[in-house]
Amino acid sequence: MSRRRTTAGLLAVAALTGCAGEAQAPPPATATSPAAEPVRIAAGPTGQTAVLAHVYAGRLREAGFDASVVDAGTDRADYLGALERGDVEVAADYSGNLYLHLRGRAPVGPAATAPTDGATATPTPSPDAEDGGLAEDLSELLGLGEERADDDDVLAGVQDVLPEELQTLEPAAAENTVAVVVTRPTAVEHGLTDPEDLGPVCDELALGTDLDFAGRSYGPEGLEDAYECVPGRFVPFGDQDDLVDALLEDRVQAAALFTASPAIEDNALVVLADPLNNFVPQRVVPVAAEDLPDAAVDVVDAVSAQIGTEDLVLMTRMTSARDPYTPEEAARYWLEGGDDT
């Protein structure tokens, strides 16, 4: 089964590569973006943000800037410190984990500390897991009471607590958040579109998860509170491939995966919507120095307008393949038109 998934992923990359070459024209350089003005972009906390950094750099160079990607560390404290010191001017991150970091809470999951070499990251446990975990903590930090935080709440919260020298630019539509997924036959059999539909049959299903899911408030507690879903069993897995295999073999009937996982596309899995915002929002958001030139802001905003979750899937697929692309190579492919497939 793993071999079938790997083959499908490689065929998908090959098909996409054959369609490359239709990149959109970059915004022209203007009087406010003088040629060779330096803009340094931090690679950021994950392999996906490293690819995005090279995408920003490529677009900025096309617009006349002297743009480069620098290693400012993978810890958020490192790249935020580099931004405050003026060592870099831009970095990409994920809204939920960035906000939690800025409020002194531990991030969660692959978007917290994903490696750049294609290895599978170990989810970062929350220090508050026994007291309710991230979703509850996030809403409390944002002053929402019992209301669950949505994308707009988190993005506004990030801007509110960023250091004065920094700003958020336009967020991308792309996200990499936890979601409950099922196979297409299971979705059809039970008429599933979101976890609320799971309620009547939830006790008949086994839900596969990562090792930390049970300790999160968006886990058993959140599913029951938001959607009246109490699975018959929670089955933890230390490896995502094993989790996906179990789902495809019907050893579990649902799984908690990150939405930018290539396994979802490779296996035609159905992502159940989260209308009640049980899971922590994780939108891609660029963070920049307050004095970044307006013309450079326009370039990065234009990139954000083009980046969807499917682009994160592609970037993840390319940098985690058996013969992986470097973040720079994956960005070059995207810039040459892979985003237009």
C-alpha atoms as a PDB file:
ATOM      1  CA  MET A   1       0.000   0.000   0.000  1.00  0.00           C
ATOM      2  CA  SER A   2       2.860   2.370   0.824  1.00  0.00           C
ATOM      3  CA  ARG A   3       4.404   1.589  -2.550  1.00  0.00           C
ATOM      4  CA  ARG A   4       1.131   2.444  -4.293  1.00  0.00           C
ATOM      5  CA  ARG A   5       0.984   5.793  -2.494  1.00  0.00           C
ATOM      6  CA  THR A   6       4.611   6.585  -3.362  1.00  0.00           C
ATOM      7  CA  THR A   7       4.093   5.713  -7.009  1.00  0.00           C
ATOM      8  CA  ALA A   8       0.992   7.881  -7.200  1.00  0.00           C
ATOM      9  CA  GLY A   9       2.865  10.799  -5.659  1.00  0.00           C
ATOM     10  CA  LEU A  10       5.762  10.539  -8.096  1.00  0.00           C
ATOM     11  CA  LEU A  11       3.385  10.285 -11.053  1.00  0.00           C
ATOM     12  CA  ALA A  12       1.590  13.396  -9.816  1.00  0.00           C
ATOM     13  CA  VAL A  13       4.868  15.344  -9.680  1.00  0.00           C
ATOM     14  CA  ALA A  14       5.821  14.107 -13.131  1.00  0.00           C
ATOM     15  CA  ALA A  15       2.472  15.190 -14.537  1.00  0.00           C
ATOM     16  CA  LEU A  16       2.760  18.593 -12.927  1.00  0.00           C
ATOM     17  CA  THR A  17       6.310  19.027 -14.203  1.00  0.00           C
ATOM     18  CA  GLY A  18       5.089  18.418 -17.734  1.00  0.00           C
ATOM     19  CA  CYS A  19       2.657  21.341 -17.349  1.00  0.00           C
ATOM     20  CA  ALA A  20       5.175  23.880 -16.043  1.00  0.00           C
ATOM     21  CA  GLY A  21       6.212  26.979 -17.930  1.00  0.00           C
ATOM     22  CA  GLU A  22       3.144  29.249 -17.726  1.00  0.00           C
ATOM     23  CA  ALA A  23       4.217  31.534 -14.877  1.00  0.00           C
ATOM     24  CA  GLN A  24       2.381  34.791 -14.412  1.00  0.00           C
ATOM     25  CA  ALA A  25       4.294  37.986 -15.111  1.00  0.00           C
ATOM     26  CA  PRO A  26       5.733  39.572 -11.939  1.00  0.00           C
ATOM     27  CA  PRO A  27       4.811  43.121 -10.976  1.00  0.00           C
ATOM     28  CA  PRO A  28       7.179  45.616 -12.599  1.00  0.00           C
ATOM     29  CA  ALA A  29       9.829  47.468 -10.630  1.00  0.00           C
ATOM     30  CA  THR A  30       8.842  51.017  -9.758  1.00  0.00           C
ATOM     31  CA  ALA A  31      10.450  54.165  -8.457  1.00  0.00           C
ATOM     32  CA  THR A  32       9.718  52.924  -4.938  1.00  0.00           C
ATOM     33  CA  SER A  33      11.554  49.626  -5.542  1.00  0.00           C
ATOM     34  CA  PRO A  34      15.002  50.638  -6.751  1.00  0.00           C
ATOM     35  CA  ALA A  35      17.088  48.014  -8.485  1.00  0.00           C
ATOM     36  CA  ALA A  36      19.391  45.995  -6.249  1.00  0.00           C
ATOM     37  CA  GLU A  37      17.736  47.100  -2.988  1.00  0.00           C
ATOM     38  CA  PRO A  38      18.438  44.170  -0.630  1.00  0.00           C
ATOM     39  CA  VAL A  39      15.579  42.105   0.789  1.00  0.00           C
ATOM     40  CA  ARG A  40      16.568  39.098   2.893  1.00  0.00           C
ATOM     41  CA  ILE A  41      14.008  36.368   3.527  1.00  0.00           C
ATOM     42  CA  ALA A  42      14.293  33.929   6.425  1.00  0.00           C
ATOM     43  CA  ALA A  43      13.835  30.269   5.493  1.00  0.00           C
ATOM     44  CA  GLY A  44      11.457  29.973   8.437  1.00  0.00           C
ATOM     45  CA  PRO A  45      10.386  27.108  10.687  1.00  0.00           C
ATOM     46  CA  THR A  46       9.473  24.367   8.157  1.00  0.00           C
ATOM     47  CA  GLY A  47      10.311  22.924   4.776  1.00  0.00           C
ATOM     48  CA  GLN A  48       7.199  24.575   3.331  1.00  0.00           C
ATOM     49  CA  THR A  49       8.232  28.025   4.578  1.00  0.00           C
ATOM     50  CA  ALA A  50      11.689  27.471   3.121  1.00  0.00           C
ATOM     51  CA  VAL A  51      10.150  26.862  -0.312  1.00  0.00           C
ATOM     52  CA  LEU A  52       7.958  29.947   0.115  1.00  0.00           C
ATOM     53  CA  ALA A  53      11.027  32.001   1.039  1.00  0.00           C
ATOM     54  CA  HIS A  54      12.640  31.072  -2.278  1.00  0.00           C
ATOM     55  CA  VAL A  55       9.380  31.864  -4.095  1.00  0.00           C
ATOM     56  CA  TYR A  56       9.317  35.332  -2.505  1.00  0.00           C
ATOM     57  CA  ALA A  57      12.977  35.807  -3.409  1.00  0.00           C
ATOM     58  CA  GLY A  58      12.399  34.812  -7.026  1.00  0.00           C
ATOM     59  CA  ARG A  59       9.469  37.175  -7.464  1.00  0.00           C
ATOM     60  CA  LEU A  60      11.330  40.004  -5.739  1.00  0.00           C
ATOM     61  CA  ARG A  61      14.356  39.546  -7.994  1.00  0.00           C
ATOM     62  CA  GLU A  62      12.056  39.652 -11.025  1.00  0.00           C
ATOM     63  CA  ALA A  63      10.750  42.984  -9.691  1.00  0.00           C
ATOM     64  CA  GLY A  64      14.243  44.455  -9.385  1.00  0.00           C
ATOM     65  CA  PHE A  65      15.186  43.718  -5.789  1.00  0.00           C
ATOM     66  CA  ASP A  66      18.413  42.099  -4.615  1.00  0.00           C
ATOM     67  CA  ALA A  67      16.567  39.317  -2.797  1.00  0.00           C
ATOM     68  CA  SER A  68      18.159  36.356  -1.015  1.00  0.00           C
ATOM     69  CA  VAL A  69      17.139  33.563   1.350  1.00  0.00           C
ATOM     70  CA  VAL A  70      19.075  33.305   4.600  1.00  0.00           C
ATOM     71  CA  ASP A  71      19.144  30.731   7.374  1.00  0.00           C
ATOM     72  CA  ALA A  72      17.902  32.556  10.452  1.00  0.00           C
ATOM     73  CA  GLY A  73      17.186  29.339  12.370  1.00  0.00           C
ATOM     74  CA  THR A  74      14.065  27.190  12.470  1.00  0.00           C
ATOM     75  CA  ASP A  75      12.925  28.346  15.896  1.00  0.00           C
ATOM     76  CA  ARG A  76      10.391  31.157  15.810  1.00  0.00           C
ATOM     77  CA  ALA A  77      12.381  33.067  18.392  1.00  0.00           C
ATOM     78  CA  ASP A  78      15.354  33.002  16.000  1.00  0.00           C
ATOM     79  CA  TYR A  79      13.644  34.341  12.896  1.00  0.00           C
ATOM     80  CA  LEU A  80      11.550  36.871  14.827  1.00  0.00           C
ATOM     81  CA  GLY A  81      14.703  38.105  16.520  1.00  0.00           C
ATOM     82  CA  ALA A  82      16.407  38.394  13.128  1.00  0.00           C
ATOM     83  CA  LEU A  83      13.444  40.443  11.864  1.00  0.00           C
ATOM     84  CA  GLU A  84      13.590  42.761  14.874  1.00  0.00           C
ATOM     85  CA  ARG A  85      17.362  43.237  14.513  1.00  0.00           C
ATOM     86  CA  GLY A  86      17.043  43.988  10.814  1.00  0.00           C
ATOM     87  CA  ASP A  87      19.031  40.898   9.789  1.00  0.00           C
ATOM     88  CA  VAL A  88      16.103  39.788   7.578  1.00  0.00           C
ATOM     89  CA  GLU A  89      13.066  41.605   6.222  1.00  0.00           C
ATOM     90  CA  VAL A  90      10.499  38.830   5.509  1.00  0.00           C
ATOM     91  CA  ALA A  91       9.554  35.348   6.719  1.00  0.00           C
ATOM     92  CA  ALA A  92       6.554  33.062   6.210  1.00  0.00           C
ATOM     93  CA  ASP A  93       4.812  31.254   9.066  1.00  0.00           C
ATOM     94  CA  TYR A  94       1.504  29.679  10.118  1.00  0.00           C
ATOM     95  CA  SER A  95      -1.001  31.890  11.889  1.00  0.00           C
ATOM     96  CA  GLY A  96      -2.052  29.625  14.762  1.00  0.00           C
ATOM     97  CA  ASN A  97       1.403  28.471  15.758  1.00  0.00           C
ATOM     98  CA  LEU A  98       2.830  31.968  15.356  1.00  0.00           C
ATOM     99  CA  TYR A  99       0.176  33.407  17.669  1.00  0.00           C
ATOM    100  CA  LEU A 100       0.693  30.670  20.243  1.00  0.00           C
ATOM    101  CA  HIS A 101       4.445  31.333  20.169  1.00  0.00           C
ATOM    102  CA  LEU A 102       3.966  35.072  20.601  1.00  0.00           C
ATOM    103  CA  ARG A 103       1.731  34.403  23.615  1.00  0.00           C
ATOM    104  CA  GLY A 104       4.238  32.023  25.157  1.00  0.00           C
ATOM    105  CA  ARG A 105       2.509  28.749  24.285  1.00  0.00           C
ATOM    106  CA  ALA A 106       4.049  25.754  22.524  1.00  0.00           C
ATOM    107  CA  PRO A 107       3.102  25.252  18.845  1.00  0.00           C
ATOM    108  CA  VAL A 108       1.706  21.939  17.659  1.00  0.00           C
ATOM    109  CA  GLY A 109       2.255  19.382  14.896  1.00  0.00           C
ATOM    110  CA  PRO A 110       4.353  19.353  11.697  1.00  0.00           C
ATOM    111  CA  ALA A 111       3.762  23.078  11.215  1.00  0.00           C
ATOM    112  CA  ALA A 112       5.670  23.570  14.465  1.00  0.00           C
ATOM    113  CA  THR A 113       9.029  22.054  13.657  1.00  0.00           C
ATOM    114  CA  ALA A 114       8.848  20.291  10.280  1.00  0.00           C
ATOM    115  CA  PRO A 115      12.281  19.288   8.931  1.00  0.00           C
ATOM    116  CA  THR A 116      13.462  20.356   5.511  1.00  0.00           C
ATOM    117  CA  ASP A 117      14.900  16.985   4.489  1.00  0.00           C
ATOM    118  CA  GLY A 118      11.621  15.138   4.003  1.00  0.00           C
ATOM    119  CA  ALA A 119      11.634  13.401   7.374  1.00  0.00           C
ATOM    120  CA  THR A 120       8.413  13.175   9.346  1.00  0.00           C
ATOM    121  CA  ALA A 121       8.276  15.648  12.215  1.00  0.00           C
ATOM    122  CA  THR A 122       7.298  14.618  15.709  1.00  0.00           C
ATOM    123  CA  PRO A 123       4.363  16.736  16.933  1.00  0.00           C
ATOM    124  CA  THR A 124       5.305  19.148  19.702  1.00  0.00           C
ATOM    125  CA  PRO A 125       3.339  18.469  22.879  1.00  0.00           C
ATOM    126  CA  SER A 126       1.533  21.362  24.523  1.00  0.00           C
ATOM    127  CA  PRO A 127       2.414  22.243  28.120  1.00  0.00           C
ATOM    128  CA  ASP A 128      -1.309  22.803  28.677  1.00  0.00           C
ATOM    129  CA  ALA A 129      -2.477  19.496  27.188  1.00  0.00           C
ATOM    130  CA  GLU A 130      -3.848  18.152  30.484  1.00  0.00           C
ATOM    131  CA  ASP A 131      -5.788  21.385  31.059  1.00  0.00           C
ATOM    132  CA  GLY A 132      -7.515  21.454  27.683  1.00  0.00           C
ATOM    133  CA  GLY A 133      -4.769  22.089  25.159  1.00  0.00           C
ATOM    134  CA  LEU A 134      -4.406  24.434  22.238  1.00  0.00           C
ATOM    135  CA  ALA A 135      -7.872  25.123  20.849  1.00  0.00           C
ATOM    136  CA  GLU A 136      -9.283  26.078  24.236  1.00  0.00           C
ATOM    137  CA  ASP A 137      -6.118  27.956  25.181  1.00  0.00           C
ATOM    138  CA  LEU A 138      -6.147  29.828  21.866  1.00  0.00           C
ATOM    139  CA  SER A 139      -9.719  31.059  22.339  1.00  0.00           C
ATOM    140  CA  GLU A 140      -8.988  32.125  25.896  1.00  0.00           C
ATOM    141  CA  LEU A 141      -5.846  34.005  24.843  1.00  0.00           C
ATOM    142  CA  LEU A 142      -7.833  35.819  22.176  1.00  0.00           C
ATOM    143  CA  GLY A 143     -10.498  36.801  24.697  1.00  0.00           C
ATOM    144  CA  LEU A 144     -13.257  34.840  22.965  1.00  0.00           C
ATOM    145  CA  GLY A 145     -14.489  32.951  26.014  1.00  0.00           C
ATOM    146  CA  GLU A 146     -16.186  29.734  24.936  1.00  0.00           C
ATOM    147  CA  GLU A 147     -16.336  30.822  21.276  1.00  0.00           C
ATOM    148  CA  ARG A 148     -13.811  28.978  19.123  1.00  0.00           C
ATOM    149  CA  ALA A 149     -11.237  30.983  17.189  1.00  0.00           C
ATOM    150  CA  ASP A 150     -11.528  31.283  13.418  1.00  0.00           C
ATOM    151  CA  ASP A 151      -8.948  32.410  10.832  1.00  0.00           C
ATOM    152  CA  ASP A 152      -9.793  36.090  11.169  1.00  0.00           C
ATOM    153  CA  ASP A 153      -9.567  35.973  14.966  1.00  0.00           C
ATOM    154  CA  VAL A 154      -6.112  34.419  14.857  1.00  0.00           C
ATOM    155  CA  LEU A 155      -4.752  36.711  12.133  1.00  0.00           C
ATOM    156  CA  ALA A 156      -5.967  39.775  14.024  1.00  0.00           C
ATOM    157  CA  GLY A 157      -4.451  38.380  17.201  1.00  0.00           C
ATOM    158  CA  VAL A 158      -1.067  37.914  15.532  1.00  0.00           C
ATOM    159  CA  GLN A 159      -1.006  41.537  14.383  1.00  0.00           C
ATOM    160  CA  ASP A 160      -1.999  42.717  17.865  1.00  0.00           C
ATOM    161  CA  VAL A 161       0.889  40.976  19.634  1.00  0.00           C
ATOM    162  CA  LEU A 162       3.684  41.317  17.065  1.00  0.00           C
ATOM    163  CA  PRO A 163       6.548  43.616  18.095  1.00  0.00           C
ATOM    164  CA  GLU A 164       6.001  47.188  16.875  1.00  0.00           C
ATOM    165  CA  GLU A 165       8.820  46.880  14.334  1.00  0.00           C
ATOM    166  CA  LEU A 166       7.004  44.063  12.520  1.00  0.00           C
ATOM    167  CA  GLN A 167       3.842  43.669  10.465  1.00  0.00           C
ATOM    168  CA  THR A 168       1.842  40.877   8.872  1.00  0.00           C
ATOM    169  CA  LEU A 169       1.276  41.048   5.125  1.00  0.00           C
ATOM    170  CA  GLU A 170      -1.675  39.582   3.221  1.00  0.00           C
ATOM    171  CA  PRO A 171      -2.261  35.964   4.296  1.00  0.00           C
ATOM    172  CA  ALA A 172      -2.452  33.245   1.683  1.00  0.00           C
ATOM    173  CA  ALA A 173      -5.489  31.026   1.299  1.00  0.00           C
ATOM    174  CA  ALA A 174      -3.142  28.103   1.988  1.00  0.00           C
ATOM    175  CA  GLU A 175      -3.490  26.327   5.288  1.00  0.00           C
ATOM    176  CA  ASN A 176      -1.947  23.334   7.002  1.00  0.00           C
ATOM    177  CA  THR A 177      -4.275  22.512   9.853  1.00  0.00           C
ATOM    178  CA  VAL A 178      -5.575  19.302  11.370  1.00  0.00           C
ATOM    179  CA  ALA A 179      -8.697  17.821   9.781  1.00  0.00           C
ATOM    180  CA  VAL A 180     -10.668  14.607  10.034  1.00  0.00           C
ATOM    181  CA  VAL A 181     -10.463  12.674   6.756  1.00  0.00           C
ATOM    182  CA  VAL A 182     -12.195   9.529   5.541  1.00  0.00           C
ATOM    183  CA  THR A 183     -12.055   7.374   2.444  1.00  0.00           C
ATOM    184  CA  ARG A 184     -14.519   8.189  -0.318  1.00  0.00           C
ATOM    185  CA  PRO A 185     -16.507   4.940   0.194  1.00  0.00           C
ATOM    186  CA  THR A 186     -16.909   5.762   3.897  1.00  0.00           C
ATOM    187  CA  ALA A 187     -18.012   9.322   3.075  1.00  0.00           C
ATOM    188  CA  VAL A 188     -20.609   8.054   0.598  1.00  0.00           C
ATOM    189  CA  GLU A 189     -21.844   5.248   2.855  1.00  0.00           C
ATOM    190  CA  HIS A 190     -22.534   7.604   5.753  1.00  0.00           C
ATOM    191  CA  GLY A 191     -23.183  10.870   3.879  1.00  0.00           C
ATOM    192  CA  LEU A 192     -20.251  12.632   5.545  1.00  0.00           C
ATOM    193  CA  THR A 193     -19.328  16.258   4.829  1.00  0.00           C
ATOM    194  CA  ASP A 194     -18.226  17.477   8.278  1.00  0.00           C
ATOM    195  CA  PRO A 195     -17.669  15.917  11.733  1.00  0.00           C
ATOM    196  CA  GLU A 196     -21.254  16.743  12.729  1.00  0.00           C
ATOM    197  CA  ASP A 197     -22.364  14.074  10.249  1.00  0.00           C
ATOM    198  CA  LEU A 198     -20.174  11.621  12.143  1.00  0.00           C
ATOM    199  CA  GLY A 199     -22.263  12.002  15.299  1.00  0.00           C
ATOM    200  CA  PRO A 200     -24.841   9.254  14.642  1.00  0.00           C
ATOM    201  CA  VAL A 201     -22.213   6.720  13.531  1.00  0.00           C
ATOM    202  CA  CYS A 202     -19.172   7.955  15.453  1.00  0.00           C
ATOM    203  CA  ASP A 203     -19.319   5.232  18.065  1.00  0.00           C
ATOM    204  CA  GLU A 204     -19.061   2.658  15.266  1.00  0.00           C
ATOM    205  CA  LEU A 205     -15.821   4.125  13.899  1.00  0.00           C
ATOM    206  CA  ALA A 206     -12.176   3.967  14.886  1.00  0.00           C
ATOM    207  CA  LEU A 207     -10.280   7.262  14.504  1.00  0.00           C
ATOM    208  CA  GLY A 208      -6.576   7.078  13.719  1.00  0.00           C
ATOM    209  CA  THR A 209      -4.452   9.919  15.088  1.00  0.00           C
ATOM    210  CA  ASP A 210      -0.915  10.988  15.890  1.00  0.00           C
ATOM    211  CA  LEU A 211       0.476  10.207  19.322  1.00  0.00           C
ATOM    212  CA  ASP A 212      -0.539  13.536  20.891  1.00  0.00           C
ATOM    213  CA  PHE A 213      -4.099  13.860  19.589  1.00  0.00           C
ATOM    214  CA  ALA A 214      -5.748  12.486  22.727  1.00  0.00           C
ATOM    215  CA  GLY A 215      -4.174  15.237  24.828  1.00  0.00           C
ATOM    216  CA  ARG A 216      -5.403  18.117  22.663  1.00  0.00           C
ATOM    217  CA  SER A 217      -8.646  19.945  23.296  1.00  0.00           C
ATOM    218  CA  TYR A 218      -9.454  19.584  19.595  1.00  0.00           C
ATOM    219  CA  GLY A 219      -9.093  15.809  20.109  1.00  0.00           C
ATOM    220  CA  PRO A 220     -11.602  13.664  21.990  1.00  0.00           C
ATOM    221  CA  GLU A 221     -12.834  16.580  24.108  1.00  0.00           C
ATOM    222  CA  GLY A 222     -13.247  18.937  21.154  1.00  0.00           C
ATOM    223  CA  LEU A 223     -14.922  16.425  18.869  1.00  0.00           C
ATOM    224  CA  GLU A 224     -17.460  15.544  21.541  1.00  0.00           C
ATOM    225  CA  ASP A 225     -18.101  19.151  22.565  1.00  0.00           C
ATOM    226  CA  ALA A 226     -18.333  20.625  19.063  1.00  0.00           C
ATOM    227  CA  TYR A 227     -19.787  17.742  17.064  1.00  0.00           C
ATOM    228  CA  GLU A 228     -21.127  15.185  19.559  1.00  0.00           C
ATOM    229  CA  CYS A 229     -18.695  12.728  18.019  1.00  0.00           C
ATOM    230  CA  VAL A 230     -17.283  10.088  20.347  1.00  0.00           C
ATOM    231  CA  PRO A 231     -15.430   7.506  18.224  1.00  0.00           C
ATOM    232  CA  GLY A 232     -15.615   3.911  19.298  1.00  0.00           C
ATOM    233  CA  ARG A 233     -11.803   3.852  19.471  1.00  0.00           C
ATOM    234  CA  PHE A 234      -8.909   6.267  19.176  1.00  0.00           C
ATOM    235  CA  VAL A 235      -5.925   4.502  17.596  1.00  0.00           C
ATOM    236  CA  PRO A 236      -2.617   6.414  17.884  1.00  0.00           C
ATOM    237  CA  PHE A 237       0.155   6.027  15.286  1.00  0.00           C
ATOM    238  CA  GLY A 238       3.734   7.239  15.447  1.00  0.00           C
ATOM    239  CA  ASP A 239       4.105   7.319  11.662  1.00  0.00           C
ATOM    240  CA  GLN A 240       1.783   8.996   9.162  1.00  0.00           C
ATOM    241  CA  ASP A 241       2.327   6.321   6.498  1.00  0.00           C
ATOM    242  CA  ASP A 242       1.169   3.668   8.962  1.00  0.00           C
ATOM    243  CA  LEU A 243      -1.859   5.794   9.806  1.00  0.00           C
ATOM    244  CA  VAL A 244      -2.804   6.205   6.128  1.00  0.00           C
ATOM    245  CA  ASP A 245      -2.294   2.478   5.509  1.00  0.00           C
ATOM    246  CA  ALA A 246      -4.650   1.693   8.383  1.00  0.00           C
ATOM    247  CA  LEU A 247      -7.269   4.040   6.935  1.00  0.00           C
ATOM    248  CA  LEU A 248      -7.033   2.560   3.441  1.00  0.00           C
ATOM    249  CA  GLU A 249      -7.219  -0.970   4.839  1.00  0.00           C
ATOM    250  CA  ASP A 250     -10.274  -0.047   6.970  1.00  0.00           C
ATOM    251  CA  ARG A 251      -8.475  -0.825  10.229  1.00  0.00           C
ATOM    252  CA  VAL A 252      -9.549   2.702  11.152  1.00  0.00           C
ATOM    253  CA  GLN A 253     -12.479   4.424   9.441  1.00  0.00           C
ATOM    254  CA  ALA A 254     -11.341   8.040   9.912  1.00  0.00           C
ATOM    255  CA  ALA A 255      -8.009   9.767  10.472  1.00  0.00           C
ATOM    256  CA  ALA A 256      -6.751  13.104  11.759  1.00  0.00           C
ATOM    257  CA  LEU A 257      -4.280  14.426   9.163  1.00  0.00           C
ATOM    258  CA  PHE A 258      -2.817  17.792   8.256  1.00  0.00           C
ATOM    259  CA  THR A 259      -4.555  19.324   5.262  1.00  0.00           C
ATOM    260  CA  ALA A 260      -1.327  19.850   3.282  1.00  0.00           C
ATOM    261  CA  SER A 261      -0.472  16.153   3.457  1.00  0.00           C
ATOM    262  CA  PRO A 262       0.069  14.681  -0.039  1.00  0.00           C
ATOM    263  CA  ALA A 263      -1.545  11.473   1.221  1.00  0.00           C
ATOM    264  CA  ILE A 264      -4.962  13.141   0.985  1.00  0.00           C
ATOM    265  CA  GLU A 265      -4.658  13.825  -2.746  1.00  0.00           C
ATOM    266  CA  ASP A 266      -2.784  10.605  -3.514  1.00  0.00           C
ATOM    267  CA  ASN A 267      -5.537   8.458  -2.034  1.00  0.00           C
ATOM    268  CA  ALA A 268      -8.602  10.604  -2.907  1.00  0.00           C
ATOM    269  CA  LEU A 269      -9.403  11.032   0.776  1.00  0.00           C
ATOM    270  CA  VAL A 270     -12.330  13.236   1.756  1.00  0.00           C
ATOM    271  CA  VAL A 271     -11.525  16.123   4.117  1.00  0.00           C
ATOM    272  CA  LEU A 272     -14.430  16.833   6.454  1.00  0.00           C
ATOM    273  CA  ALA A 273     -15.120  20.546   6.912  1.00  0.00           C
ATOM    274  CA  ASP A 274     -14.750  22.132  10.353  1.00  0.00           C
ATOM    275  CA  PRO A 275     -17.569  24.733  10.455  1.00  0.00           C
ATOM    276  CA  LEU A 276     -17.412  25.066  14.246  1.00  0.00           C
ATOM    277  CA  ASN A 277     -13.645  25.767  14.260  1.00  0.00           C
ATOM    278  CA  ASN A 278     -12.670  22.872  16.483  1.00  0.00           C
ATOM    279  CA  PHE A 279      -9.150  22.755  15.056  1.00  0.00           C
ATOM    280  CA  VAL A 280      -6.493  25.462  15.412  1.00  0.00           C
ATOM    281  CA  PRO A 281      -6.358  27.651  12.250  1.00  0.00           C
ATOM    282  CA  GLN A 282      -2.991  27.510  10.463  1.00  0.00           C
ATOM    283  CA  ARG A 283      -3.028  29.952   7.504  1.00  0.00           C
ATOM    284  CA  VAL A 284       0.215  30.875   5.765  1.00  0.00           C
ATOM    285  CA  VAL A 285       1.023  34.466   6.712  1.00  0.00           C
ATOM    286  CA  PRO A 286       4.136  36.483   5.796  1.00  0.00           C
ATOM    287  CA  VAL A 287       5.736  38.507   8.586  1.00  0.00           C
ATOM    288  CA  ALA A 288       7.792  41.528   7.527  1.00  0.00           C
ATOM    289  CA  ALA A 289       9.742  44.468   8.850  1.00  0.00           C
ATOM    290  CA  GLU A 290       7.572  47.563   9.259  1.00  0.00           C
ATOM    291  CA  ASP A 291       9.847  49.516   6.912  1.00  0.00           C
ATOM    292  CA  LEU A 292       9.765  46.966   4.061  1.00  0.00           C
ATOM    293  CA  PRO A 293       9.316  49.058   0.872  1.00  0.00           C
ATOM    294  CA  ASP A 294       5.764  49.217  -0.428  1.00  0.00           C
ATOM    295  CA  ALA A 295       6.824  47.749  -3.766  1.00  0.00           C
ATOM    296  CA  ALA A 296       8.270  44.705  -1.995  1.00  0.00           C
ATOM    297  CA  VAL A 297       5.083  44.370   0.061  1.00  0.00           C
ATOM    298  CA  ASP A 298       3.102  44.358  -3.188  1.00  0.00           C
ATOM    299  CA  VAL A 299       5.265  41.540  -4.579  1.00  0.00           C
ATOM    300  CA  VAL A 300       4.858  39.345  -1.484  1.00  0.00           C
ATOM    301  CA  ASP A 301       1.112  40.078  -1.363  1.00  0.00           C
ATOM    302  CA  ALA A 302       0.856  39.011  -5.017  1.00  0.00           C
ATOM    303  CA  VAL A 303       2.526  35.700  -4.162  1.00  0.00           C
ATOM    304  CA  SER A 304       0.111  35.162  -1.264  1.00  0.00           C
ATOM    305  CA  ALA A 305      -2.808  35.694  -3.643  1.00  0.00           C
ATOM    306  CA  GLN A 306      -1.563  32.698  -5.667  1.00  0.00           C
ATOM    307  CA  ILE A 307      -0.716  30.262  -2.856  1.00  0.00           C
ATOM    308  CA  GLY A 308      -3.402  27.719  -1.968  1.00  0.00           C
ATOM    309  CA  THR A 309      -3.274  24.563   0.100  1.00  0.00           C
ATOM    310  CA  GLU A 310      -2.701  22.585  -3.104  1.00  0.00           C
ATOM    311  CA  ASP A 311       0.566  24.511  -3.542  1.00  0.00           C
ATOM    312  CA  LEU A 312       1.688  23.488  -0.054  1.00  0.00           C
ATOM    313  CA  VAL A 313       0.834  19.900  -0.974  1.00  0.00           C
ATOM    314  CA  LEU A 314       2.999  20.158  -4.079  1.00  0.00           C
ATOM    315  CA  MET A 315       5.866  21.747  -2.161  1.00  0.00           C
ATOM    316  CA  THR A 316       5.673  19.027   0.476  1.00  0.00           C
ATOM    317  CA  ARG A 317       5.528  16.308  -2.155  1.00  0.00           C
ATOM    318  CA  MET A 318       8.563  17.638  -4.006  1.00  0.00           C
ATOM    319  CA  THR A 319      10.740  18.150  -0.932  1.00  0.00           C
ATOM    320  CA  SER A 320       9.808  14.811   0.674  1.00  0.00           C
ATOM    321  CA  ALA A 321      10.013  12.529  -2.377  1.00  0.00           C
ATOM    322  CA  ARG A 322      12.382   9.567  -2.439  1.00  0.00           C
ATOM    323  CA  ASP A 323      14.749  11.739  -4.471  1.00  0.00           C
ATOM    324  CA  PRO A 324      13.764  15.101  -2.975  1.00  0.00           C
ATOM    325  CA  TYR A 325      13.979  18.523  -4.530  1.00  0.00           C
ATOM    326  CA  THR A 326      15.711  21.217  -2.496  1.00  0.00           C
ATOM    327  CA  PRO A 327      13.459  24.095  -1.359  1.00  0.00           C
ATOM    328  CA  GLU A 328      15.138  26.301  -3.995  1.00  0.00           C
ATOM    329  CA  GLU A 329      14.460  23.748  -6.752  1.00  0.00           C
ATOM    330  CA  ALA A 330      10.826  23.340  -5.682  1.00  0.00           C
ATOM    331  CA  ALA A 331      10.396  27.132  -5.676  1.00  0.00           C
ATOM    332  CA  ARG A 332      11.971  27.428  -9.126  1.00  0.00           C
ATOM    333  CA  TYR A 333       9.536  24.847 -10.481  1.00  0.00           C
ATOM    334  CA  TRP A 334       6.590  26.757  -8.975  1.00  0.00           C
ATOM    335  CA  LEU A 335       7.879  30.040 -10.389  1.00  0.00           C
ATOM    336  CA  GLU A 336       8.257  28.512 -13.846  1.00  0.00           C
ATOM    337  CA  GLY A 337       4.588  27.670 -13.975  1.00  0.00           C
ATOM    338  CA  GLY A 338       3.888  24.655 -11.823  1.00  0.00           C
ATOM    339  CA  ASP A 339       1.335  26.721  -9.925  1.00  0.00           C
ATOM    340  CA  ASP A 340      -0.819  27.043 -13.038  1.00  0.00           C
ATOM    341  CA  THR A 341      -1.552  23.325 -13.448  1.00  0.00           C
END
